[in-house]
Amino acid sequence: MKTALITGATSGIGAACAHSLAAQGYNLILVARREELLTEIGKHLEDKYAVEVKRIVADIRDYENLSYHLETLPAQWKKVNVLINNAGLSQGLDPIHKGSITDWDTMIDTNIKGLLYSTKIVSNWMVNEKSGHIINIGSIAGKEVYPNGNVYCATKHAVDALSKSMRIDLLTHGIKVTAIHPGMVETEFSKVRFKGDEGRAKKVYDGLEPLIADDIAEAIWFVVSRPAHVNINDMLIMPTAQATGTIIDRK
């Protein structure tokens, strides 16, 4: 039985990946901050797919806490085949001179440092096994910048660069590294960016059909299910109505 570890697992792309991989028979280690949702999704997956689910309530920004929870797992749970670094967020949409330092710290600590922390721990397990697959969830914002995206775009450019670096560093250990870069996906993303303002969040998707989390989970399963000699290095996935980060056909 294979095992996947997913961060940010209680909603959006993380939850969709949990369902997708559980349906394929993967046992799961789910990492998230919201204990009630984590308990609920874990039980649902166990009941529906007859897989085992380890639930870890942790904030990936806290390395010591995350490390404690992961390193104290039983040995058989450390044979992780797939790591999906999904946890990430955007805060605010301000020009650089009006940006919130708190928002900047939250994005940098989550999108860059949190990804590094989970990778630091799990990649060592994979090196011991001489196999594994790390999937980093980036963004169209990691390929281009857009007005008022400044720090968020910078963090996702960092994810793109780190994915390339990981692929080089882990090459001789038999570990695959893939970066998945979605365009507009209707999840909690915009609600989080606008700090719970649902009206403002919904307007982001006015006049177009955005991607949904299942679209990305399907693409990730395609990547994961390739033969051992095949790695998909990089995948950019956009809704048909979106040509670039800012050029969108709204009906």
C-alpha atoms as a PDB file:
ATOM      1  CA  MET A   1       0.000   0.000   0.000  1.00  0.00           C
ATOM      2  CA  LYS A   2       1.360   3.434  -0.963  1.00  0.00           C
ATOM      3  CA  THR A   3       1.260   6.521   1.230  1.00  0.00           C
ATOM      4  CA  ALA A   4       0.808  10.209   0.397  1.00  0.00           C
ATOM      5  CA  LEU A   5       1.324  13.204   2.663  1.00  0.00           C
ATOM      6  CA  ILE A   6      -0.739  16.295   1.843  1.00  0.00           C
ATOM      7  CA  THR A   7      -0.448  19.704   3.497  1.00  0.00           C
ATOM      8  CA  GLY A   8      -3.412  22.079   3.567  1.00  0.00           C
ATOM      9  CA  ALA A   9      -5.599  18.999   3.311  1.00  0.00           C
ATOM     10  CA  THR A  10      -8.971  20.175   4.619  1.00  0.00           C
ATOM     11  CA  SER A  11     -10.214  22.197   1.654  1.00  0.00           C
ATOM     12  CA  GLY A  12      -9.701  23.073  -1.991  1.00  0.00           C
ATOM     13  CA  ILE A  13      -6.940  21.337  -3.937  1.00  0.00           C
ATOM     14  CA  GLY A  14      -5.618  19.537  -0.846  1.00  0.00           C
ATOM     15  CA  ALA A  15      -8.959  17.926  -0.050  1.00  0.00           C
ATOM     16  CA  ALA A  16      -9.539  17.052  -3.718  1.00  0.00           C
ATOM     17  CA  CYS A  17      -6.130  15.344  -3.868  1.00  0.00           C
ATOM     18  CA  ALA A  18      -6.928  13.423  -0.683  1.00  0.00           C
ATOM     19  CA  HIS A  19     -10.090  12.044  -2.301  1.00  0.00           C
ATOM     20  CA  SER A  20      -8.307  11.314  -5.581  1.00  0.00           C
ATOM     21  CA  LEU A  21      -5.433   9.396  -3.992  1.00  0.00           C
ATOM     22  CA  ALA A  22      -7.624   7.572  -1.477  1.00  0.00           C
ATOM     23  CA  ALA A  23      -9.751   6.381  -4.411  1.00  0.00           C
ATOM     24  CA  GLN A  24      -6.544   4.876  -5.844  1.00  0.00           C
ATOM     25  CA  GLY A  25      -5.839   3.038  -2.591  1.00  0.00           C
ATOM     26  CA  TYR A  26      -3.288   5.388  -1.018  1.00  0.00           C
ATOM     27  CA  ASN A  27      -3.051   5.648   2.748  1.00  0.00           C
ATOM     28  CA  LEU A  28      -2.882   9.305   3.733  1.00  0.00           C
ATOM     29  CA  ILE A  29      -1.123  11.615   6.145  1.00  0.00           C
ATOM     30  CA  LEU A  30      -3.188  14.787   6.184  1.00  0.00           C
ATOM     31  CA  VAL A  31      -1.726  17.966   7.660  1.00  0.00           C
ATOM     32  CA  ALA A  32      -3.923  20.991   8.372  1.00  0.00           C
ATOM     33  CA  ARG A  33      -4.686  23.575  11.020  1.00  0.00           C
ATOM     34  CA  ARG A  34      -8.450  23.070  11.390  1.00  0.00           C
ATOM     35  CA  GLU A  35      -8.916  20.071  13.666  1.00  0.00           C
ATOM     36  CA  GLU A  36     -12.663  19.671  13.250  1.00  0.00           C
ATOM     37  CA  LEU A  37     -12.479  19.653   9.442  1.00  0.00           C
ATOM     38  CA  LEU A  38      -9.458  17.358   9.534  1.00  0.00           C
ATOM     39  CA  THR A  39     -11.309  14.854  11.720  1.00  0.00           C
ATOM     40  CA  GLU A  40     -14.341  15.002   9.449  1.00  0.00           C
ATOM     41  CA  ILE A  41     -12.495  14.527   6.149  1.00  0.00           C
ATOM     42  CA  GLY A  42     -10.295  11.794   7.608  1.00  0.00           C
ATOM     43  CA  LYS A  43     -13.262   9.742   8.797  1.00  0.00           C
ATOM     44  CA  HIS A  44     -15.065  10.227   5.492  1.00  0.00           C
ATOM     45  CA  LEU A  45     -12.059   8.992   3.506  1.00  0.00           C
ATOM     46  CA  GLU A  46     -11.552   5.978   5.762  1.00  0.00           C
ATOM     47  CA  ASP A  47     -15.211   4.999   5.504  1.00  0.00           C
ATOM     48  CA  LYS A  48     -15.556   5.583   1.766  1.00  0.00           C
ATOM     49  CA  TYR A  49     -12.269   4.158   0.486  1.00  0.00           C
ATOM     50  CA  ALA A  50     -11.186   1.750   3.261  1.00  0.00           C
ATOM     51  CA  VAL A  51      -7.768   3.406   3.582  1.00  0.00           C
ATOM     52  CA  GLU A  52      -5.859   4.461   6.676  1.00  0.00           C
ATOM     53  CA  VAL A  53      -5.618   8.172   7.446  1.00  0.00           C
ATOM     54  CA  LYS A  54      -3.255   9.853   9.881  1.00  0.00           C
ATOM     55  CA  ARG A  55      -4.477  13.306  10.880  1.00  0.00           C
ATOM     56  CA  ILE A  56      -1.914  15.879  11.972  1.00  0.00           C
ATOM     57  CA  VAL A  57      -3.123  19.190  13.344  1.00  0.00           C
ATOM     58  CA  ALA A  58      -0.209  21.523  12.682  1.00  0.00           C
ATOM     59  CA  ASP A  59       0.702  24.843  11.132  1.00  0.00           C
ATOM     60  CA  ILE A  60       3.468  24.281   8.575  1.00  0.00           C
ATOM     61  CA  ARG A  61       4.954  27.652   9.562  1.00  0.00           C
ATOM     62  CA  ASP A  62       6.006  26.129  12.903  1.00  0.00           C
ATOM     63  CA  TYR A  63       8.945  23.849  12.073  1.00  0.00           C
ATOM     64  CA  GLU A  64       9.454  22.475  15.579  1.00  0.00           C
ATOM     65  CA  ASN A  65       5.813  21.484  15.969  1.00  0.00           C
ATOM     66  CA  LEU A  66       5.544  20.057  12.456  1.00  0.00           C
ATOM     67  CA  SER A  67       8.779  18.105  12.890  1.00  0.00           C
ATOM     68  CA  TYR A  68       7.634  16.686  16.218  1.00  0.00           C
ATOM     69  CA  HIS A  69       4.340  15.415  14.769  1.00  0.00           C
ATOM     70  CA  LEU A  70       5.941  13.903  11.667  1.00  0.00           C
ATOM     71  CA  GLU A  71       9.078  12.442  13.210  1.00  0.00           C
ATOM     72  CA  THR A  72       7.080  10.680  15.950  1.00  0.00           C
ATOM     73  CA  LEU A  73       4.997   8.798  13.384  1.00  0.00           C
ATOM     74  CA  PRO A  74       5.497   5.004  13.369  1.00  0.00           C
ATOM     75  CA  ALA A  75       8.252   3.875  10.997  1.00  0.00           C
ATOM     76  CA  GLN A  76       5.866   2.412   8.421  1.00  0.00           C
ATOM     77  CA  TRP A  77       4.235   5.818   7.981  1.00  0.00           C
ATOM     78  CA  LYS A  78       7.571   7.381   7.062  1.00  0.00           C
ATOM     79  CA  LYS A  79       7.692   5.414   3.809  1.00  0.00           C
ATOM     80  CA  VAL A  80       5.968   8.280   1.999  1.00  0.00           C
ATOM     81  CA  ASN A  81       5.664   7.787  -1.750  1.00  0.00           C
ATOM     82  CA  VAL A  82       4.115  11.165  -2.580  1.00  0.00           C
ATOM     83  CA  LEU A  83       4.422  14.541  -0.841  1.00  0.00           C
ATOM     84  CA  ILE A  84       1.987  17.208  -2.014  1.00  0.00           C
ATOM     85  CA  ASN A  85       3.083  20.626  -0.780  1.00  0.00           C
ATOM     86  CA  ASN A  86      -0.312  22.224  -1.185  1.00  0.00           C
ATOM     87  CA  ALA A  87      -0.657  24.556   1.810  1.00  0.00           C
ATOM     88  CA  GLY A  88      -0.395  28.157   0.668  1.00  0.00           C
ATOM     89  CA  LEU A  89      -2.300  31.408   0.584  1.00  0.00           C
ATOM     90  CA  SER A  90      -2.496  34.991  -0.527  1.00  0.00           C
ATOM     91  CA  GLN A  91      -3.209  37.906   1.786  1.00  0.00           C
ATOM     92  CA  GLY A  92      -4.304  41.299   0.520  1.00  0.00           C
ATOM     93  CA  LEU A  93      -4.063  42.878  -2.910  1.00  0.00           C
ATOM     94  CA  ASP A  94      -2.216  46.116  -2.287  1.00  0.00           C
ATOM     95  CA  PRO A  95       0.481  48.018  -4.168  1.00  0.00           C
ATOM     96  CA  ILE A  96       3.934  47.521  -2.682  1.00  0.00           C
ATOM     97  CA  HIS A  97       4.039  50.869  -0.859  1.00  0.00           C
ATOM     98  CA  LYS A  98       0.736  50.143   0.907  1.00  0.00           C
ATOM     99  CA  GLY A  99       1.343  46.466   1.680  1.00  0.00           C
ATOM    100  CA  SER A 100       0.813  45.010   5.137  1.00  0.00           C
ATOM    101  CA  ILE A 101       3.942  43.652   6.817  1.00  0.00           C
ATOM    102  CA  THR A 102       1.746  41.084   8.578  1.00  0.00           C
ATOM    103  CA  ASP A 103       0.359  39.907   5.223  1.00  0.00           C
ATOM    104  CA  TRP A 104       3.873  39.683   3.775  1.00  0.00           C
ATOM    105  CA  ASP A 105       5.132  37.623   6.711  1.00  0.00           C
ATOM    106  CA  THR A 106       2.140  35.274   6.516  1.00  0.00           C
ATOM    107  CA  MET A 107       2.675  34.618   2.793  1.00  0.00           C
ATOM    108  CA  ILE A 108       6.433  34.196   3.038  1.00  0.00           C
ATOM    109  CA  ASP A 109       6.219  31.985   6.128  1.00  0.00           C
ATOM    110  CA  THR A 110       3.532  29.762   4.613  1.00  0.00           C
ATOM    111  CA  ASN A 111       4.264  29.648   0.886  1.00  0.00           C
ATOM    112  CA  ILE A 112       8.053  29.453   1.080  1.00  0.00           C
ATOM    113  CA  LYS A 113       9.228  28.492   4.552  1.00  0.00           C
ATOM    114  CA  GLY A 114       6.341  26.109   5.258  1.00  0.00           C
ATOM    115  CA  LEU A 115       6.956  24.320   1.967  1.00  0.00           C
ATOM    116  CA  LEU A 116      10.651  24.070   2.842  1.00  0.00           C
ATOM    117  CA  TYR A 117       9.921  22.707   6.312  1.00  0.00           C
ATOM    118  CA  SER A 118       7.682  19.868   5.115  1.00  0.00           C
ATOM    119  CA  THR A 119      10.103  19.092   2.283  1.00  0.00           C
ATOM    120  CA  LYS A 120      13.111  19.061   4.645  1.00  0.00           C
ATOM    121  CA  ILE A 121      11.486  16.367   6.789  1.00  0.00           C
ATOM    122  CA  VAL A 122       9.879  14.169   4.156  1.00  0.00           C
ATOM    123  CA  SER A 123      12.666  14.356   1.568  1.00  0.00           C
ATOM    124  CA  ASN A 124      15.022  12.773   4.105  1.00  0.00           C
ATOM    125  CA  TRP A 125      12.622   9.844   4.412  1.00  0.00           C
ATOM    126  CA  MET A 126      12.513   9.563   0.624  1.00  0.00           C
ATOM    127  CA  VAL A 127      16.309   9.673   0.370  1.00  0.00           C
ATOM    128  CA  ASN A 128      16.443   6.714   2.779  1.00  0.00           C
ATOM    129  CA  GLU A 129      14.018   4.811   0.519  1.00  0.00           C
ATOM    130  CA  LYS A 130      15.746   5.964  -2.691  1.00  0.00           C
ATOM    131  CA  SER A 131      12.390   6.865  -4.197  1.00  0.00           C
ATOM    132  CA  GLY A 132       9.518   9.305  -3.890  1.00  0.00           C
ATOM    133  CA  HIS A 133       7.671  12.087  -5.650  1.00  0.00           C
ATOM    134  CA  ILE A 134       7.392  15.679  -4.415  1.00  0.00           C
ATOM    135  CA  ILE A 135       4.654  17.816  -5.926  1.00  0.00           C
ATOM    136  CA  ASN A 136       4.744  21.542  -5.235  1.00  0.00           C
ATOM    137  CA  ILE A 137       1.605  23.588  -5.871  1.00  0.00           C
ATOM    138  CA  GLY A 138       2.681  26.837  -7.481  1.00  0.00           C
ATOM    139  CA  SER A 139       0.568  29.283  -9.470  1.00  0.00           C
ATOM    140  CA  ILE A 140       0.371  31.293 -12.681  1.00  0.00           C
ATOM    141  CA  ALA A 141       1.700  33.944 -10.258  1.00  0.00           C
ATOM    142  CA  GLY A 142       4.936  31.955 -10.217  1.00  0.00           C
ATOM    143  CA  LYS A 143       5.318  32.433 -13.980  1.00  0.00           C
ATOM    144  CA  GLU A 144       4.377  36.109 -14.310  1.00  0.00           C
ATOM    145  CA  VAL A 145       3.525  39.038 -12.069  1.00  0.00           C
ATOM    146  CA  TYR A 146       0.389  41.148 -12.014  1.00  0.00           C
ATOM    147  CA  PRO A 147      -0.601  44.498 -10.495  1.00  0.00           C
ATOM    148  CA  ASN A 148      -0.676  44.452  -6.691  1.00  0.00           C
ATOM    149  CA  GLY A 149       0.420  40.803  -6.632  1.00  0.00           C
ATOM    150  CA  ASN A 150       3.996  41.726  -5.623  1.00  0.00           C
ATOM    151  CA  VAL A 151       4.812  39.572  -2.573  1.00  0.00           C
ATOM    152  CA  TYR A 152       2.397  36.738  -3.405  1.00  0.00           C
ATOM    153  CA  CYS A 153       3.885  36.523  -6.901  1.00  0.00           C
ATOM    154  CA  ALA A 154       7.363  36.564  -5.385  1.00  0.00           C
ATOM    155  CA  THR A 155       6.530  33.626  -3.111  1.00  0.00           C
ATOM    156  CA  LYS A 156       5.185  31.588  -6.013  1.00  0.00           C
ATOM    157  CA  HIS A 157       8.228  32.456  -8.147  1.00  0.00           C
ATOM    158  CA  ALA A 158      10.214  31.059  -5.218  1.00  0.00           C
ATOM    159  CA  VAL A 159       8.176  27.835  -5.360  1.00  0.00           C
ATOM    160  CA  ASP A 160       9.013  27.567  -9.069  1.00  0.00           C
ATOM    161  CA  ALA A 161      12.728  28.073  -8.398  1.00  0.00           C
ATOM    162  CA  LEU A 162      12.746  25.704  -5.430  1.00  0.00           C
ATOM    163  CA  SER A 163      11.063  23.005  -7.511  1.00  0.00           C
ATOM    164  CA  LYS A 164      13.848  23.259 -10.096  1.00  0.00           C
ATOM    165  CA  SER A 165      16.501  23.191  -7.377  1.00  0.00           C
ATOM    166  CA  MET A 166      14.932  20.203  -5.608  1.00  0.00           C
ATOM    167  CA  ARG A 167      14.844  18.301  -8.879  1.00  0.00           C
ATOM    168  CA  ILE A 168      18.609  18.796  -9.248  1.00  0.00           C
ATOM    169  CA  ASP A 169      19.491  18.113  -5.605  1.00  0.00           C
ATOM    170  CA  LEU A 170      17.401  14.944  -5.370  1.00  0.00           C
ATOM    171  CA  LEU A 171      18.146  13.580  -8.834  1.00  0.00           C
ATOM    172  CA  THR A 172      20.631  10.946  -7.729  1.00  0.00           C
ATOM    173  CA  HIS A 173      18.272   9.712  -5.003  1.00  0.00           C
ATOM    174  CA  GLY A 174      15.573   8.576  -7.424  1.00  0.00           C
ATOM    175  CA  ILE A 175      13.123  11.273  -6.295  1.00  0.00           C
ATOM    176  CA  LYS A 176      10.827  12.972  -8.795  1.00  0.00           C
ATOM    177  CA  VAL A 177       9.864  16.642  -8.393  1.00  0.00           C
ATOM    178  CA  THR A 178       6.898  18.239 -10.147  1.00  0.00           C
ATOM    179  CA  ALA A 179       5.549  21.796 -10.011  1.00  0.00           C
ATOM    180  CA  ILE A 180       1.847  22.319 -10.716  1.00  0.00           C
ATOM    181  CA  HIS A 181       0.887  25.897 -11.592  1.00  0.00           C
ATOM    182  CA  PRO A 182      -2.870  26.585 -11.673  1.00  0.00           C
ATOM    183  CA  GLY A 183      -4.545  29.674 -13.000  1.00  0.00           C
ATOM    184  CA  MET A 184      -7.887  30.730 -11.521  1.00  0.00           C
ATOM    185  CA  VAL A 185      -9.302  27.954  -9.328  1.00  0.00           C
ATOM    186  CA  GLU A 186     -12.493  28.568  -7.359  1.00  0.00           C
ATOM    187  CA  THR A 187     -11.604  27.454  -3.823  1.00  0.00           C
ATOM    188  CA  GLU A 188     -11.211  29.329  -0.529  1.00  0.00           C
ATOM    189  CA  PHE A 189      -8.261  31.165  -2.096  1.00  0.00           C
ATOM    190  CA  SER A 190     -10.002  34.469  -2.841  1.00  0.00           C
ATOM    191  CA  LYS A 191     -11.980  34.382   0.404  1.00  0.00           C
ATOM    192  CA  VAL A 192      -8.698  34.048   2.305  1.00  0.00           C
ATOM    193  CA  ARG A 193      -7.030  36.755   0.190  1.00  0.00           C
ATOM    194  CA  PHE A 194      -9.857  39.174   1.041  1.00  0.00           C
ATOM    195  CA  LYS A 195      -9.985  38.042   4.686  1.00  0.00           C
ATOM    196  CA  GLY A 196     -13.472  36.564   4.651  1.00  0.00           C
ATOM    197  CA  ASP A 197     -15.141  39.118   2.363  1.00  0.00           C
ATOM    198  CA  GLU A 198     -17.259  36.644   0.381  1.00  0.00           C
ATOM    199  CA  GLY A 199     -18.811  39.306  -1.849  1.00  0.00           C
ATOM    200  CA  ARG A 200     -15.430  40.548  -3.017  1.00  0.00           C
ATOM    201  CA  ALA A 201     -14.165  36.980  -3.381  1.00  0.00           C
ATOM    202  CA  LYS A 202     -17.061  35.921  -5.632  1.00  0.00           C
ATOM    203  CA  LYS A 203     -16.469  38.852  -7.986  1.00  0.00           C
ATOM    204  CA  VAL A 204     -13.060  37.374  -8.876  1.00  0.00           C
ATOM    205  CA  TYR A 205     -14.858  34.677 -10.886  1.00  0.00           C
ATOM    206  CA  ASP A 206     -17.660  36.807 -12.357  1.00  0.00           C
ATOM    207  CA  GLY A 207     -18.317  36.133 -16.034  1.00  0.00           C
ATOM    208  CA  LEU A 208     -16.104  33.089 -16.471  1.00  0.00           C
ATOM    209  CA  GLU A 209     -15.932  29.407 -15.610  1.00  0.00           C
ATOM    210  CA  PRO A 210     -12.848  28.958 -13.434  1.00  0.00           C
ATOM    211  CA  LEU A 211     -11.064  25.718 -12.712  1.00  0.00           C
ATOM    212  CA  ILE A 212     -12.248  23.686  -9.740  1.00  0.00           C
ATOM    213  CA  ALA A 213     -10.125  21.768  -7.255  1.00  0.00           C
ATOM    214  CA  ASP A 214     -10.970  18.430  -8.880  1.00  0.00           C
ATOM    215  CA  ASP A 215      -9.425  19.638 -12.161  1.00  0.00           C
ATOM    216  CA  ILE A 216      -6.085  20.074 -10.415  1.00  0.00           C
ATOM    217  CA  ALA A 217      -6.402  16.815  -8.477  1.00  0.00           C
ATOM    218  CA  GLU A 218      -6.987  14.966 -11.765  1.00  0.00           C
ATOM    219  CA  ALA A 219      -3.848  16.498 -13.238  1.00  0.00           C
ATOM    220  CA  ILE A 220      -1.871  15.562 -10.141  1.00  0.00           C
ATOM    221  CA  TRP A 221      -3.067  11.961 -10.356  1.00  0.00           C
ATOM    222  CA  PHE A 222      -1.921  11.894 -13.994  1.00  0.00           C
ATOM    223  CA  VAL A 223       1.512  13.096 -12.894  1.00  0.00           C
ATOM    224  CA  VAL A 224       1.735  10.631 -10.002  1.00  0.00           C
ATOM    225  CA  SER A 225       0.609   7.675 -12.114  1.00  0.00           C
ATOM    226  CA  ARG A 226       3.315   7.970 -14.784  1.00  0.00           C
ATOM    227  CA  PRO A 227       5.786   5.073 -15.076  1.00  0.00           C
ATOM    228  CA  ALA A 228       8.926   5.154 -12.944  1.00  0.00           C
ATOM    229  CA  HIS A 229      11.082   6.437 -15.814  1.00  0.00           C
ATOM    230  CA  VAL A 230       8.763   9.386 -16.575  1.00  0.00           C
ATOM    231  CA  ASN A 231       8.623  12.671 -14.658  1.00  0.00           C
ATOM    232  CA  ILE A 232       6.408  15.644 -15.479  1.00  0.00           C
ATOM    233  CA  ASN A 233       8.642  18.520 -14.432  1.00  0.00           C
ATOM    234  CA  ASP A 234       6.225  21.404 -14.807  1.00  0.00           C
ATOM    235  CA  MET A 235       2.538  21.827 -15.580  1.00  0.00           C
ATOM    236  CA  LEU A 236       0.647  25.102 -16.125  1.00  0.00           C
ATOM    237  CA  ILE A 237      -3.145  24.652 -16.008  1.00  0.00           C
ATOM    238  CA  MET A 238      -5.531  27.457 -16.932  1.00  0.00           C
ATOM    239  CA  PRO A 239      -9.272  27.812 -17.398  1.00  0.00           C
ATOM    240  CA  THR A 240     -10.152  28.201 -21.068  1.00  0.00           C
ATOM    241  CA  ALA A 241     -11.268  31.778 -20.377  1.00  0.00           C
ATOM    242  CA  GLN A 242      -7.863  32.804 -18.991  1.00  0.00           C
ATOM    243  CA  ALA A 243      -4.908  33.426 -21.308  1.00  0.00           C
ATOM    244  CA  THR A 244      -2.491  34.985 -18.793  1.00  0.00           C
ATOM    245  CA  GLY A 245      -2.579  36.118 -15.183  1.00  0.00           C
ATOM    246  CA  THR A 246      -4.524  39.231 -16.183  1.00  0.00           C
ATOM    247  CA  ILE A 247      -6.030  38.593 -19.645  1.00  0.00           C
ATOM    248  CA  ILE A 248      -9.415  37.012 -19.046  1.00  0.00           C
ATOM    249  CA  ASP A 249     -12.503  36.656 -21.237  1.00  0.00           C
ATOM    250  CA  ARG A 250     -15.450  37.625 -19.047  1.00  0.00           C
ATOM    251  CA  LYS A 251     -18.820  37.217 -20.709  1.00  0.00           C
END
